C-alpha atoms as a PDB file:
ATOM      1  CA  MET A   1      37.478 -28.920  20.299  1.00  0.00           C
ATOM      2  CA  PRO A   2      34.116 -30.176  21.581  1.00  0.00           C
ATOM      3  CA  MET A   3      31.960 -27.905  23.724  1.00  0.00           C
ATOM      4  CA  THR A   4      31.614 -29.126  27.270  1.00  0.00           C
ATOM      5  CA  ARG A   5      28.212 -29.613  28.826  1.00  0.00           C
ATOM      6  CA  ALA A   6      28.727 -26.756  31.288  1.00  0.00           C
ATOM      7  CA  ALA A   7      29.674 -24.359  28.491  1.00  0.00           C
ATOM      8  CA  ALA A   8      26.582 -25.399  26.531  1.00  0.00           C
ATOM      9  CA  VAL A   9      24.342 -24.758  29.558  1.00  0.00           C
ATOM     10  CA  VAL A  10      25.922 -21.348  30.156  1.00  0.00           C
ATOM     11  CA  LEU A  11      25.485 -20.434  26.489  1.00  0.00           C
ATOM     12  CA  LEU A  12      21.858 -21.563  26.551  1.00  0.00           C
ATOM     13  CA  LEU A  13      21.078 -19.565  29.713  1.00  0.00           C
ATOM     14  CA  ALA A  14      22.802 -16.453  28.389  1.00  0.00           C
ATOM     15  CA  SER A  15      20.949 -16.565  25.093  1.00  0.00           C
ATOM     16  CA  SER A  16      17.590 -17.173  26.800  1.00  0.00           C
ATOM     17  CA  LEU A  17      18.135 -14.204  29.150  1.00  0.00           C
ATOM     18  CA  ALA A  18      19.039 -12.017  26.175  1.00  0.00           C
ATOM     19  CA  MET A  19      15.813 -13.004  24.401  1.00  0.00           C
ATOM     20  CA  VAL A  20      13.686 -12.360  27.492  1.00  0.00           C
ATOM     21  CA  GLY A  21      15.047  -8.834  27.676  1.00  0.00           C
ATOM     22  CA  CYS A  22      13.900  -8.056  24.131  1.00  0.00           C
ATOM     23  CA  GLY A  23      10.317  -7.314  25.192  1.00  0.00           C
ATOM     24  CA  ARG A  24       8.686  -3.963  24.624  1.00  0.00           C
ATOM     25  CA  LYS A  25       7.458  -2.033  27.626  1.00  0.00           C
ATOM     26  CA  GLY A  26       4.034  -0.463  27.361  1.00  0.00           C
ATOM     27  CA  ASP A  27       0.414  -1.280  26.747  1.00  0.00           C
ATOM     28  CA  PRO A  28      -0.313  -4.256  24.480  1.00  0.00           C
ATOM     29  CA  GLU A  29      -1.260  -3.579  20.879  1.00  0.00           C
ATOM     30  CA  TYR A  30      -4.524  -5.257  19.965  1.00  0.00           C
ATOM     31  CA  PRO A  31      -5.423  -6.466  16.452  1.00  0.00           C
ATOM     32  CA  GLN A  32      -7.398  -4.202  14.121  1.00  0.00           C
ATOM     33  CA  GLY A  33     -11.134  -4.452  14.668  1.00  0.00           C
ATOM     34  CA  THR A  34     -10.973  -5.406  18.347  1.00  0.00           C
ATOM     35  CA  PRO A  35     -14.055  -3.986  20.103  1.00  0.00           C
ATOM     36  CA  MET A  36     -12.873  -1.522  22.761  1.00  0.00           C
ATOM     37  CA  GLU A  37     -14.514  -0.071  25.897  1.00  0.00           C
ATOM     38  CA  THR A  38     -13.620   3.211  27.552  1.00  0.00           C
ATOM     39  CA  HIS A  39     -13.290   3.046  31.349  1.00  0.00           C
ATOM     40  CA  THR A  40     -13.192   6.166  33.506  1.00  0.00           C
ATOM     41  CA  ARG A  41     -11.035   5.896  36.610  1.00  0.00           C
ATOM     42  CA  PRO A  42     -11.860   7.622  39.910  1.00  0.00           C
ATOM     43  CA  ASP A  43      -9.166  10.255  39.276  1.00  0.00           C
ATOM     44  CA  GLY A  44     -10.916  11.296  36.033  1.00  0.00           C
ATOM     45  CA  THR A  45      -8.555   9.714  33.518  1.00  0.00           C
ATOM     46  CA  THR A  46      -9.871   7.319  30.888  1.00  0.00           C
ATOM     47  CA  LYS A  47      -8.432   4.109  29.541  1.00  0.00           C
ATOM     48  CA  LYS A  48      -9.442   2.034  26.537  1.00  0.00           C
ATOM     49  CA  GLU A  49      -9.528  -1.730  27.063  1.00  0.00           C
ATOM     50  CA  PRO A  50     -10.854  -4.556  24.882  1.00  0.00           C
ATOM     51  CA  LYS A  51     -14.313  -5.879  25.658  1.00  0.00           C
ATOM     52  CA  LYS A  52     -14.317  -9.115  27.623  1.00  0.00           C
ATOM     53  CA  PRO A  53     -15.977 -12.066  25.887  1.00  0.00           C
ATOM     54  CA  THR A  54     -19.283 -13.111  27.405  1.00  0.00           C
ATOM     55  CA  ARG A  55     -19.113 -16.749  26.438  1.00  0.00           C
ATOM     56  CA  PRO A  56     -17.511 -18.993  29.053  1.00  0.00           C
ATOM     57  CA  PHE A  57     -14.196 -20.712  28.436  1.00  0.00           C
ATOM     58  CA  VAL A  58     -13.769 -24.437  29.165  1.00  0.00           C
ATOM     59  CA  LEU A  59     -11.219 -23.865  31.947  1.00  0.00           C
ATOM     60  CA  ASP A  60     -13.098 -21.007  33.684  1.00  0.00           C
ATOM     61  CA  ARG A  61     -14.453 -23.327  36.371  1.00  0.00           C
ATOM     62  CA  LEU A  62     -10.935 -24.515  37.215  1.00  0.00           C
ATOM     63  CA  LEU A  63      -9.347 -21.057  37.179  1.00  0.00           C
ATOM     64  CA  ASN A  64     -11.986 -19.260  39.268  1.00  0.00           C
END
């Protein structure tokens, strides 16, 4: 019995929604050796973030 087009679309949407829900909540994990900076927030807590690159990217002029 061939699958109808509507059933195929429903199956595709259901599987894509299931895959989207497989993410992991939390801070991103950076590769080993990534240079990190420590930022102190006004409430006194600290947070480590990767250093921003200083060289410009080709699309920076379009995005900013």
